[in-house]
C-alpha cells in the first residue's frame, strides 16, 4: 500500500471512530429529568419486645389500625423508599404477606392479606412478587379489589416474577419477569451498538446489575436513558442477579457506581441505612 492510501485509510478509520463516539455521546442527549427511585426489597425488621412482637412505637403506627406485618412494610417505605416489594404466600387460596416477626407474638393470627398491605401502602410504588403462575389469579383478584391510583404520575403497582411463565397473564407494561428483563439487557448489548432498542425491551423492563454499567452499555448514561425513555422501558439497577433473584444495594459505596443523572429504579436491600442517607 502506498503512503498516500495509508494516510487515507487512517483518516477514514479516525472519522469512523469519531462518528461512532459522537453517535453514542451522552452530552448530545437531553438531560434526564427526575431523581432515582429507591425500591426497598422487603420490610424492615423492627425492634421487638421480649415476646417477639415488633415494638409499635418504633414504627409510629398503632397495632389497632394495621397488622405488625404491615407496620414493617410501612416502616420500610418511611425510610426513604419510593417503592416497596410486597412478597406473598398462599394460605387457603388467599395471598398473604410473609411473616417475619417472632412466633411467640400474639399478632401471629390472623395472617395479613396482601390486599390490606397494598391499601396501607398507598404512597410508594408497589412491586408485587408473584411466586408462581398458579398464584397469579389470586393475586390479580386481590389487586382488583383495591382502587388503583387515579393520578397518571401517582404510585404504581408493578407485578414481577422470576420466570416469564409466571407473569404471562399480566400486561407487559405493568409487569416483568427477571429472566425477560435480563434478556432485554443482553439484547441491547448487541443492537445498542446501532442505537436500536430491541423488541424484548420496548414497553417493558430492563434490569441492569452494577457490573453492566459503563462504556459497553451503549450511550450510557444520558443517550442510553433517552433511548429507553423513547421506547417506554422501565429501568431497574440491582447489585446483582442470580437464578431470578435480585440482590439490592447494601453499601453506600455501591451507589457511586451509578451515574448521577440516572433516574430509574434502584433495588436496595438495606433501606433502613441507605434510604435516609441517599435522600439527603
C-alpha atoms as a PDB file:
ATOM      1  CA  UNK A   1       0.000   0.000   0.000  1.00  0.00           C
ATOM      2  CA  UNK A   2       1.313   3.411  -0.932  1.00  0.00           C
ATOM      3  CA  UNK A   3       1.829   6.046   1.788  1.00  0.00           C
ATOM      4  CA  UNK A   4      -0.946   8.089   0.197  1.00  0.00           C
ATOM      5  CA  UNK A   5      -3.533   5.311   0.577  1.00  0.00           C
ATOM      6  CA  UNK A   6      -2.249   4.503   4.054  1.00  0.00           C
ATOM      7  CA  UNK A   7      -2.977   8.062   5.186  1.00  0.00           C
ATOM      8  CA  UNK A   8      -6.450   7.904   3.646  1.00  0.00           C
ATOM      9  CA  UNK A   9      -7.184   4.662   5.450  1.00  0.00           C
ATOM     10  CA  UNK A  10      -6.048   6.074   8.782  1.00  0.00           C
ATOM     11  CA  UNK A  11      -8.194   9.157   8.204  1.00  0.00           C
ATOM     12  CA  UNK A  12     -11.218   7.005   7.345  1.00  0.00           C
ATOM     13  CA  UNK A  13     -10.736   4.911  10.490  1.00  0.00           C
ATOM     14  CA  UNK A  14     -10.354   8.061  12.616  1.00  0.00           C
ATOM     15  CA  UNK A  15     -13.537   9.552  11.141  1.00  0.00           C
ATOM     16  CA  UNK A  16     -15.387   6.278  11.725  1.00  0.00           C
ATOM     17  CA  UNK A  17     -14.314   6.179  15.377  1.00  0.00           C
ATOM     18  CA  UNK A  18     -15.235   9.839  15.833  1.00  0.00           C
ATOM     19  CA  UNK A  19     -18.666   9.313  14.268  1.00  0.00           C
ATOM     20  CA  UNK A  20     -19.306   6.203  16.352  1.00  0.00           C
ATOM     21  CA  UNK A  21     -18.305   8.034  19.542  1.00  0.00           C
ATOM     22  CA  UNK A  22     -20.479  11.005  18.627  1.00  0.00           C
ATOM     23  CA  UNK A  23     -23.427   8.687  17.906  1.00  0.00           C
ATOM     24  CA  UNK A  24     -23.347   7.408  21.499  1.00  0.00           C
ATOM     25  CA  UNK A  25     -22.218  10.640  23.166  1.00  0.00           C
ATOM     26  CA  UNK A  26     -24.223  11.421  26.297  1.00  0.00           C
ATOM     27  CA  UNK A  27     -23.620  15.145  26.072  1.00  0.00           C
ATOM     28  CA  UNK A  28     -25.737  15.304  22.917  1.00  0.00           C
ATOM     29  CA  UNK A  29     -28.717  13.714  24.683  1.00  0.00           C
ATOM     30  CA  UNK A  30     -31.257  15.786  26.641  1.00  0.00           C
ATOM     31  CA  UNK A  31     -30.614  15.947  30.361  1.00  0.00           C
ATOM     32  CA  UNK A  32     -32.693  13.276  32.161  1.00  0.00           C
ATOM     33  CA  UNK A  33     -35.309  14.720  34.486  1.00  0.00           C
ATOM     34  CA  UNK A  34     -36.111  13.477  37.960  1.00  0.00           C
ATOM     35  CA  UNK A  35     -34.093  11.572  40.516  1.00  0.00           C
ATOM     36  CA  UNK A  36     -33.501   7.848  41.037  1.00  0.00           C
ATOM     37  CA  UNK A  37     -36.244   5.907  42.802  1.00  0.00           C
ATOM     38  CA  UNK A  38     -35.240   3.576  45.625  1.00  0.00           C
ATOM     39  CA  UNK A  39     -37.052   0.244  45.927  1.00  0.00           C
ATOM     40  CA  UNK A  40     -36.932  -1.471  49.320  1.00  0.00           C
ATOM     41  CA  UNK A  41     -36.512  -5.182  48.611  1.00  0.00           C
ATOM     42  CA  UNK A  42     -38.567  -6.071  51.664  1.00  0.00           C
ATOM     43  CA  UNK A  43     -39.890  -4.926  55.043  1.00  0.00           C
ATOM     44  CA  UNK A  44     -37.755  -3.656  57.904  1.00  0.00           C
ATOM     45  CA  UNK A  45     -37.367  -5.999  60.847  1.00  0.00           C
ATOM     46  CA  UNK A  46     -38.385  -3.635  63.639  1.00  0.00           C
ATOM     47  CA  UNK A  47     -37.149  -3.837  67.249  1.00  0.00           C
ATOM     48  CA  UNK A  48     -39.055  -6.466  69.215  1.00  0.00           C
ATOM     49  CA  UNK A  49     -40.181  -6.907  72.767  1.00  0.00           C
ATOM     50  CA  UNK A  50     -39.480  -9.932  74.946  1.00  0.00           C
ATOM     51  CA  UNK A  51     -42.438 -11.748  73.409  1.00  0.00           C
ATOM     52  CA  UNK A  52     -41.143 -11.407  69.874  1.00  0.00           C
ATOM     53  CA  UNK A  53     -43.580  -8.664  68.805  1.00  0.00           C
ATOM     54  CA  UNK A  54     -42.461  -5.576  66.956  1.00  0.00           C
ATOM     55  CA  UNK A  55     -42.416  -2.505  69.182  1.00  0.00           C
ATOM     56  CA  UNK A  56     -45.220  -0.283  67.893  1.00  0.00           C
ATOM     57  CA  UNK A  57     -43.570   2.986  68.891  1.00  0.00           C
ATOM     58  CA  UNK A  58     -40.594   2.239  66.633  1.00  0.00           C
ATOM     59  CA  UNK A  59     -42.849   2.118  63.588  1.00  0.00           C
ATOM     60  CA  UNK A  60     -45.060   5.018  64.512  1.00  0.00           C
ATOM     61  CA  UNK A  61     -48.214   3.100  63.626  1.00  0.00           C
ATOM     62  CA  UNK A  62     -50.800   1.735  66.008  1.00  0.00           C
ATOM     63  CA  UNK A  63     -51.420  -2.009  66.125  1.00  0.00           C
ATOM     64  CA  UNK A  64     -55.147  -1.337  66.171  1.00  0.00           C
ATOM     65  CA  UNK A  65     -55.108   0.071  62.640  1.00  0.00           C
ATOM     66  CA  UNK A  66     -52.766  -2.312  60.810  1.00  0.00           C
ATOM     67  CA  UNK A  67     -51.029  -5.609  61.476  1.00  0.00           C
ATOM     68  CA  UNK A  68     -47.419  -5.840  62.521  1.00  0.00           C
ATOM     69  CA  UNK A  69     -46.575  -7.329  59.115  1.00  0.00           C
ATOM     70  CA  UNK A  70     -47.927  -4.156  57.522  1.00  0.00           C
ATOM     71  CA  UNK A  71     -46.162  -1.939  60.044  1.00  0.00           C
ATOM     72  CA  UNK A  72     -42.850  -3.418  58.919  1.00  0.00           C
ATOM     73  CA  UNK A  73     -43.671  -2.636  55.290  1.00  0.00           C
ATOM     74  CA  UNK A  74     -44.755   0.890  56.213  1.00  0.00           C
ATOM     75  CA  UNK A  75     -41.545   1.402  58.143  1.00  0.00           C
ATOM     76  CA  UNK A  76     -39.501   0.446  55.049  1.00  0.00           C
ATOM     77  CA  UNK A  77     -41.492   2.891  52.948  1.00  0.00           C
ATOM     78  CA  UNK A  78     -40.963   5.558  55.594  1.00  0.00           C
ATOM     79  CA  UNK A  79     -37.191   5.066  55.435  1.00  0.00           C
ATOM     80  CA  UNK A  80     -36.906   6.829  52.105  1.00  0.00           C
ATOM     81  CA  UNK A  81     -38.220   4.157  49.738  1.00  0.00           C
ATOM     82  CA  UNK A  82     -40.026   5.271  46.582  1.00  0.00           C
ATOM     83  CA  UNK A  83     -41.152   1.694  46.104  1.00  0.00           C
ATOM     84  CA  UNK A  84     -41.557  -1.379  48.281  1.00  0.00           C
ATOM     85  CA  UNK A  85     -41.532  -5.067  47.359  1.00  0.00           C
ATOM     86  CA  UNK A  86     -44.563  -6.933  48.682  1.00  0.00           C
ATOM     87  CA  UNK A  87     -43.880 -10.649  48.796  1.00  0.00           C
ATOM     88  CA  UNK A  88     -46.724 -13.093  49.232  1.00  0.00           C
ATOM     89  CA  UNK A  89     -47.568 -16.566  50.449  1.00  0.00           C
ATOM     90  CA  UNK A  90     -50.736 -18.524  49.746  1.00  0.00           C
ATOM     91  CA  UNK A  91     -52.914 -19.528  52.721  1.00  0.00           C
ATOM     92  CA  UNK A  92     -56.251 -21.205  51.940  1.00  0.00           C
ATOM     93  CA  UNK A  93     -56.216 -19.731  48.460  1.00  0.00           C
ATOM     94  CA  UNK A  94     -55.593 -16.177  49.687  1.00  0.00           C
ATOM     95  CA  UNK A  95     -52.301 -14.321  49.119  1.00  0.00           C
ATOM     96  CA  UNK A  96     -50.939 -13.073  52.434  1.00  0.00           C
ATOM     97  CA  UNK A  97     -47.821 -11.177  53.484  1.00  0.00           C
ATOM     98  CA  UNK A  98     -44.962 -13.405  54.723  1.00  0.00           C
ATOM     99  CA  UNK A  99     -44.396 -13.084  58.454  1.00  0.00           C
ATOM    100  CA  UNK A 100     -41.006 -12.048  59.794  1.00  0.00           C
ATOM    101  CA  UNK A 101     -41.719 -11.267  63.435  1.00  0.00           C
ATOM    102  CA  UNK A 102     -41.389 -13.736  66.311  1.00  0.00           C
ATOM    103  CA  UNK A 103     -43.571 -16.822  66.534  1.00  0.00           C
ATOM    104  CA  UNK A 104     -44.463 -16.023  70.153  1.00  0.00           C
ATOM    105  CA  UNK A 105     -46.033 -12.674  69.265  1.00  0.00           C
ATOM    106  CA  UNK A 106     -49.787 -12.552  69.897  1.00  0.00           C
ATOM    107  CA  UNK A 107     -50.230 -10.940  66.486  1.00  0.00           C
ATOM    108  CA  UNK A 108     -49.378 -14.228  64.759  1.00  0.00           C
ATOM    109  CA  UNK A 109     -53.075 -14.669  63.904  1.00  0.00           C
ATOM    110  CA  UNK A 110     -54.753 -13.770  61.696  1.00  0.00           C
ATOM    111  CA  UNK A 111     -52.473 -13.604  58.678  1.00  0.00           C
ATOM    112  CA  UNK A 112     -52.284 -10.296  56.822  1.00  0.00           C
ATOM    113  CA  UNK A 113     -53.934 -10.392  53.361  1.00  0.00           C
ATOM    114  CA  UNK A 114     -51.846  -8.792  50.639  1.00  0.00           C
ATOM    115  CA  UNK A 115     -54.838  -6.541  49.895  1.00  0.00           C
ATOM    116  CA  UNK A 116     -54.529  -4.972  53.353  1.00  0.00           C
ATOM    117  CA  UNK A 117     -50.839  -4.314  52.857  1.00  0.00           C
ATOM    118  CA  UNK A 118     -51.500  -2.686  49.485  1.00  0.00           C
ATOM    119  CA  UNK A 119     -54.158  -0.421  50.964  1.00  0.00           C
ATOM    120  CA  UNK A 120     -51.843   0.656  53.781  1.00  0.00           C
ATOM    121  CA  UNK A 121     -49.034   1.345  51.267  1.00  0.00           C
ATOM    122  CA  UNK A 122     -50.850   3.830  49.079  1.00  0.00           C
ATOM    123  CA  UNK A 123     -47.921   6.243  48.844  1.00  0.00           C
ATOM    124  CA  UNK A 124     -44.881   4.385  47.390  1.00  0.00           C
ATOM    125  CA  UNK A 125     -44.863   2.289  44.216  1.00  0.00           C
ATOM    126  CA  UNK A 126     -45.712  -1.331  44.949  1.00  0.00           C
ATOM    127  CA  UNK A 127     -43.650  -4.159  43.429  1.00  0.00           C
ATOM    128  CA  UNK A 128     -45.823  -7.215  43.988  1.00  0.00           C
ATOM    129  CA  UNK A 129     -43.954 -10.514  43.792  1.00  0.00           C
ATOM    130  CA  UNK A 130     -45.763 -13.385  42.075  1.00  0.00           C
ATOM    131  CA  UNK A 131     -44.226 -16.679  43.200  1.00  0.00           C
ATOM    132  CA  UNK A 132     -45.738 -18.892  40.513  1.00  0.00           C
ATOM    133  CA  UNK A 133     -48.279 -18.927  37.699  1.00  0.00           C
ATOM    134  CA  UNK A 134     -50.710 -20.771  39.970  1.00  0.00           C
ATOM    135  CA  UNK A 135     -50.753 -17.772  42.332  1.00  0.00           C
ATOM    136  CA  UNK A 136     -51.389 -15.211  39.615  1.00  0.00           C
ATOM    137  CA  UNK A 137     -55.200 -15.417  39.560  1.00  0.00           C
ATOM    138  CA  UNK A 138     -55.491 -14.995  43.328  1.00  0.00           C
ATOM    139  CA  UNK A 139     -53.113 -12.045  43.319  1.00  0.00           C
ATOM    140  CA  UNK A 140     -54.994 -10.411  40.454  1.00  0.00           C
ATOM    141  CA  UNK A 141     -58.248 -10.835  42.398  1.00  0.00           C
ATOM    142  CA  UNK A 142     -56.697  -9.226  45.470  1.00  0.00           C
ATOM    143  CA  UNK A 143     -55.448  -6.301  43.412  1.00  0.00           C
ATOM    144  CA  UNK A 144     -58.705  -5.792  41.538  1.00  0.00           C
ATOM    145  CA  UNK A 145     -60.459  -5.361  44.895  1.00  0.00           C
ATOM    146  CA  UNK A 146     -58.326  -2.265  45.503  1.00  0.00           C
ATOM    147  CA  UNK A 147     -58.787   1.117  43.895  1.00  0.00           C
ATOM    148  CA  UNK A 148     -55.886   1.874  41.560  1.00  0.00           C
ATOM    149  CA  UNK A 149     -54.196   5.273  41.920  1.00  0.00           C
ATOM    150  CA  UNK A 150     -56.025   7.800  39.749  1.00  0.00           C
ATOM    151  CA  UNK A 151     -53.120  10.157  39.092  1.00  0.00           C
ATOM    152  CA  UNK A 152     -51.015   9.346  35.991  1.00  0.00           C
ATOM    153  CA  UNK A 153     -47.867  10.230  37.916  1.00  0.00           C
ATOM    154  CA  UNK A 154     -49.094   8.707  41.163  1.00  0.00           C
ATOM    155  CA  UNK A 155     -47.975   5.456  42.829  1.00  0.00           C
ATOM    156  CA  UNK A 156     -47.717   2.447  40.528  1.00  0.00           C
ATOM    157  CA  UNK A 157     -48.443  -1.235  41.023  1.00  0.00           C
ATOM    158  CA  UNK A 158     -45.913  -3.426  39.262  1.00  0.00           C
ATOM    159  CA  UNK A 159     -46.006  -7.222  39.260  1.00  0.00           C
ATOM    160  CA  UNK A 160     -42.892  -9.320  38.864  1.00  0.00           C
ATOM    161  CA  UNK A 161     -41.708 -12.920  38.995  1.00  0.00           C
ATOM    162  CA  UNK A 162     -38.504 -14.830  38.405  1.00  0.00           C
ATOM    163  CA  UNK A 163     -39.684 -16.624  35.262  1.00  0.00           C
ATOM    164  CA  UNK A 164     -41.654 -15.313  32.307  1.00  0.00           C
ATOM    165  CA  UNK A 165     -44.200 -18.157  32.515  1.00  0.00           C
ATOM    166  CA  UNK A 166     -45.254 -16.978  35.978  1.00  0.00           C
ATOM    167  CA  UNK A 167     -46.124 -13.464  34.814  1.00  0.00           C
ATOM    168  CA  UNK A 168     -47.566 -14.021  31.328  1.00  0.00           C
ATOM    169  CA  UNK A 169     -51.152 -13.320  32.346  1.00  0.00           C
ATOM    170  CA  UNK A 170     -50.239  -9.748  33.321  1.00  0.00           C
ATOM    171  CA  UNK A 171     -49.881  -6.794  30.957  1.00  0.00           C
ATOM    172  CA  UNK A 172     -46.281  -6.244  29.843  1.00  0.00           C
ATOM    173  CA  UNK A 173     -46.327  -2.577  30.801  1.00  0.00           C
ATOM    174  CA  UNK A 174     -47.392  -3.365  34.373  1.00  0.00           C
ATOM    175  CA  UNK A 175     -45.314  -6.498  34.961  1.00  0.00           C
ATOM    176  CA  UNK A 176     -41.945  -8.076  34.302  1.00  0.00           C
ATOM    177  CA  UNK A 177     -40.045 -11.287  34.821  1.00  0.00           C
ATOM    178  CA  UNK A 178     -36.444 -11.099  35.942  1.00  0.00           C
ATOM    179  CA  UNK A 179     -35.499 -13.520  33.158  1.00  0.00           C
ATOM    180  CA  UNK A 180     -37.082 -11.395  30.402  1.00  0.00           C
ATOM    181  CA  UNK A 181     -35.754  -8.126  31.847  1.00  0.00           C
ATOM    182  CA  UNK A 182     -32.239  -9.553  31.875  1.00  0.00           C
ATOM    183  CA  UNK A 183     -32.720 -10.798  28.299  1.00  0.00           C
ATOM    184  CA  UNK A 184     -33.626  -7.216  27.357  1.00  0.00           C
ATOM    185  CA  UNK A 185     -30.290  -6.020  28.788  1.00  0.00           C
ATOM    186  CA  UNK A 186     -28.415  -8.722  26.896  1.00  0.00           C
ATOM    187  CA  UNK A 187     -30.193  -7.973  23.626  1.00  0.00           C
ATOM    188  CA  UNK A 188     -29.316  -4.299  23.911  1.00  0.00           C
ATOM    189  CA  UNK A 189     -25.641  -5.215  24.144  1.00  0.00           C
ATOM    190  CA  UNK A 190     -25.947  -6.326  20.537  1.00  0.00           C
ATOM    191  CA  UNK A 191     -28.496  -3.969  18.989  1.00  0.00           C
ATOM    192  CA  UNK A 192     -27.488  -0.922  21.018  1.00  0.00           C
ATOM    193  CA  UNK A 193     -24.308  -0.545  19.012  1.00  0.00           C
ATOM    194  CA  UNK A 194     -26.550   0.682  16.196  1.00  0.00           C
ATOM    195  CA  UNK A 195     -28.725   2.681  18.598  1.00  0.00           C
ATOM    196  CA  UNK A 196     -31.588   0.181  18.294  1.00  0.00           C
ATOM    197  CA  UNK A 197     -33.753  -0.696  21.305  1.00  0.00           C
ATOM    198  CA  UNK A 198     -34.654  -4.396  20.869  1.00  0.00           C
ATOM    199  CA  UNK A 199     -38.248  -5.630  20.830  1.00  0.00           C
ATOM    200  CA  UNK A 200     -37.653  -7.549  24.062  1.00  0.00           C
ATOM    201  CA  UNK A 201     -37.310  -4.153  25.788  1.00  0.00           C
ATOM    202  CA  UNK A 202     -39.970  -1.990  24.115  1.00  0.00           C
ATOM    203  CA  UNK A 203     -42.771  -1.184  26.556  1.00  0.00           C
ATOM    204  CA  UNK A 204     -41.198  -3.452  29.157  1.00  0.00           C
ATOM    205  CA  UNK A 205     -38.437  -3.596  31.744  1.00  0.00           C
ATOM    206  CA  UNK A 206     -34.648  -3.793  31.667  1.00  0.00           C
ATOM    207  CA  UNK A 207     -32.714  -4.991  34.698  1.00  0.00           C
ATOM    208  CA  UNK A 208     -29.063  -3.974  34.943  1.00  0.00           C
ATOM    209  CA  UNK A 209     -26.512  -5.015  37.547  1.00  0.00           C
ATOM    210  CA  UNK A 210     -23.684  -2.797  38.722  1.00  0.00           C
ATOM    211  CA  UNK A 211     -21.297  -4.805  36.528  1.00  0.00           C
ATOM    212  CA  UNK A 212     -23.354  -3.895  33.439  1.00  0.00           C
ATOM    213  CA  UNK A 213     -22.800  -0.164  33.790  1.00  0.00           C
ATOM    214  CA  UNK A 214     -20.162   1.730  31.835  1.00  0.00           C
ATOM    215  CA  UNK A 215     -18.964   2.373  28.296  1.00  0.00           C
ATOM    216  CA  UNK A 216     -20.038  -1.036  26.998  1.00  0.00           C
ATOM    217  CA  UNK A 217     -23.651  -0.109  27.768  1.00  0.00           C
ATOM    218  CA  UNK A 218     -24.083   1.822  24.522  1.00  0.00           C
ATOM    219  CA  UNK A 219     -24.794   5.504  25.173  1.00  0.00           C
ATOM    220  CA  UNK A 220     -24.548   5.242  28.960  1.00  0.00           C
ATOM    221  CA  UNK A 221     -25.719   7.204  30.726  1.00  0.00           C
ATOM    222  CA  UNK A 222     -27.764  10.001  29.113  1.00  0.00           C
ATOM    223  CA  UNK A 223     -28.022   8.803  25.492  1.00  0.00           C
ATOM    224  CA  UNK A 224     -28.883   5.320  26.761  1.00  0.00           C
ATOM    225  CA  UNK A 225     -31.615   6.655  29.053  1.00  0.00           C
ATOM    226  CA  UNK A 226     -33.055   8.831  26.286  1.00  0.00           C
ATOM    227  CA  UNK A 227     -33.393   5.755  24.071  1.00  0.00           C
ATOM    228  CA  UNK A 228     -35.082   3.790  26.837  1.00  0.00           C
ATOM    229  CA  UNK A 229     -37.460   6.656  27.657  1.00  0.00           C
ATOM    230  CA  UNK A 230     -38.429   6.980  23.984  1.00  0.00           C
ATOM    231  CA  UNK A 231     -39.482   3.314  23.991  1.00  0.00           C
ATOM    232  CA  UNK A 232     -41.169   3.275  27.422  1.00  0.00           C
ATOM    233  CA  UNK A 233     -38.608   0.972  29.019  1.00  0.00           C
ATOM    234  CA  UNK A 234     -38.651   0.732  32.809  1.00  0.00           C
ATOM    235  CA  UNK A 235     -35.080   0.690  34.157  1.00  0.00           C
ATOM    236  CA  UNK A 236     -34.008  -1.143  37.310  1.00  0.00           C
ATOM    237  CA  UNK A 237     -30.458  -1.344  38.667  1.00  0.00           C
ATOM    238  CA  UNK A 238     -29.582  -4.034  41.201  1.00  0.00           C
ATOM    239  CA  UNK A 239     -26.281  -5.004  42.752  1.00  0.00           C
ATOM    240  CA  UNK A 240     -26.507  -8.483  41.228  1.00  0.00           C
ATOM    241  CA  UNK A 241     -28.896 -11.117  39.876  1.00  0.00           C
ATOM    242  CA  UNK A 242     -28.740 -14.891  40.161  1.00  0.00           C
ATOM    243  CA  UNK A 243     -31.341 -17.512  39.290  1.00  0.00           C
ATOM    244  CA  UNK A 244     -34.088 -14.918  39.043  1.00  0.00           C
ATOM    245  CA  UNK A 245     -33.359 -13.335  42.412  1.00  0.00           C
ATOM    246  CA  UNK A 246     -32.202  -9.733  42.674  1.00  0.00           C
ATOM    247  CA  UNK A 247     -29.619  -8.592  45.211  1.00  0.00           C
ATOM    248  CA  UNK A 248     -30.045  -4.945  46.092  1.00  0.00           C
ATOM    249  CA  UNK A 249     -27.524  -2.356  47.197  1.00  0.00           C
ATOM    250  CA  UNK A 250     -26.268  -2.777  50.757  1.00  0.00           C
ATOM    251  CA  UNK A 251     -23.414  -0.224  50.867  1.00  0.00           C
ATOM    252  CA  UNK A 252     -23.328   3.489  50.134  1.00  0.00           C
ATOM    253  CA  UNK A 253     -20.163   3.000  48.076  1.00  0.00           C
ATOM    254  CA  UNK A 254     -22.145   0.921  45.562  1.00  0.00           C
ATOM    255  CA  UNK A 255     -24.245   3.986  44.798  1.00  0.00           C
ATOM    256  CA  UNK A 256     -21.127   5.701  43.442  1.00  0.00           C
ATOM    257  CA  UNK A 257     -21.087   3.233  40.539  1.00  0.00           C
ATOM    258  CA  UNK A 258     -24.372   4.678  39.264  1.00  0.00           C
ATOM    259  CA  UNK A 259     -24.358   7.828  37.111  1.00  0.00           C
ATOM    260  CA  UNK A 260     -25.613  10.974  38.810  1.00  0.00           C
ATOM    261  CA  UNK A 261     -28.127  11.565  36.003  1.00  0.00           C
ATOM    262  CA  UNK A 262     -29.760   8.111  36.333  1.00  0.00           C
ATOM    263  CA  UNK A 263     -33.469   8.452  37.114  1.00  0.00           C
ATOM    264  CA  UNK A 264     -34.750   4.869  37.092  1.00  0.00           C
ATOM    265  CA  UNK A 265     -35.319   2.417  39.934  1.00  0.00           C
ATOM    266  CA  UNK A 266     -32.551   1.170  42.238  1.00  0.00           C
ATOM    267  CA  UNK A 267     -33.099  -2.077  44.159  1.00  0.00           C
ATOM    268  CA  UNK A 268     -31.982  -1.630  47.795  1.00  0.00           C
ATOM    269  CA  UNK A 269     -31.598  -4.384  50.404  1.00  0.00           C
ATOM    270  CA  UNK A 270     -30.523  -2.167  53.282  1.00  0.00           C
ATOM    271  CA  UNK A 271     -33.191   0.550  53.031  1.00  0.00           C
ATOM    272  CA  UNK A 272     -33.064   1.373  56.765  1.00  0.00           C
ATOM    273  CA  UNK A 273     -29.496   2.644  56.344  1.00  0.00           C
ATOM    274  CA  UNK A 274     -29.271   3.628  52.687  1.00  0.00           C
ATOM    275  CA  UNK A 275     -32.690   5.254  52.348  1.00  0.00           C
ATOM    276  CA  UNK A 276     -32.164   8.191  54.732  1.00  0.00           C
ATOM    277  CA  UNK A 277     -28.548   8.643  53.575  1.00  0.00           C
ATOM    278  CA  UNK A 278     -29.423   8.800  49.869  1.00  0.00           C
ATOM    279  CA  UNK A 279     -32.396  11.117  50.403  1.00  0.00           C
ATOM    280  CA  UNK A 280     -30.258  13.889  51.905  1.00  0.00           C
END
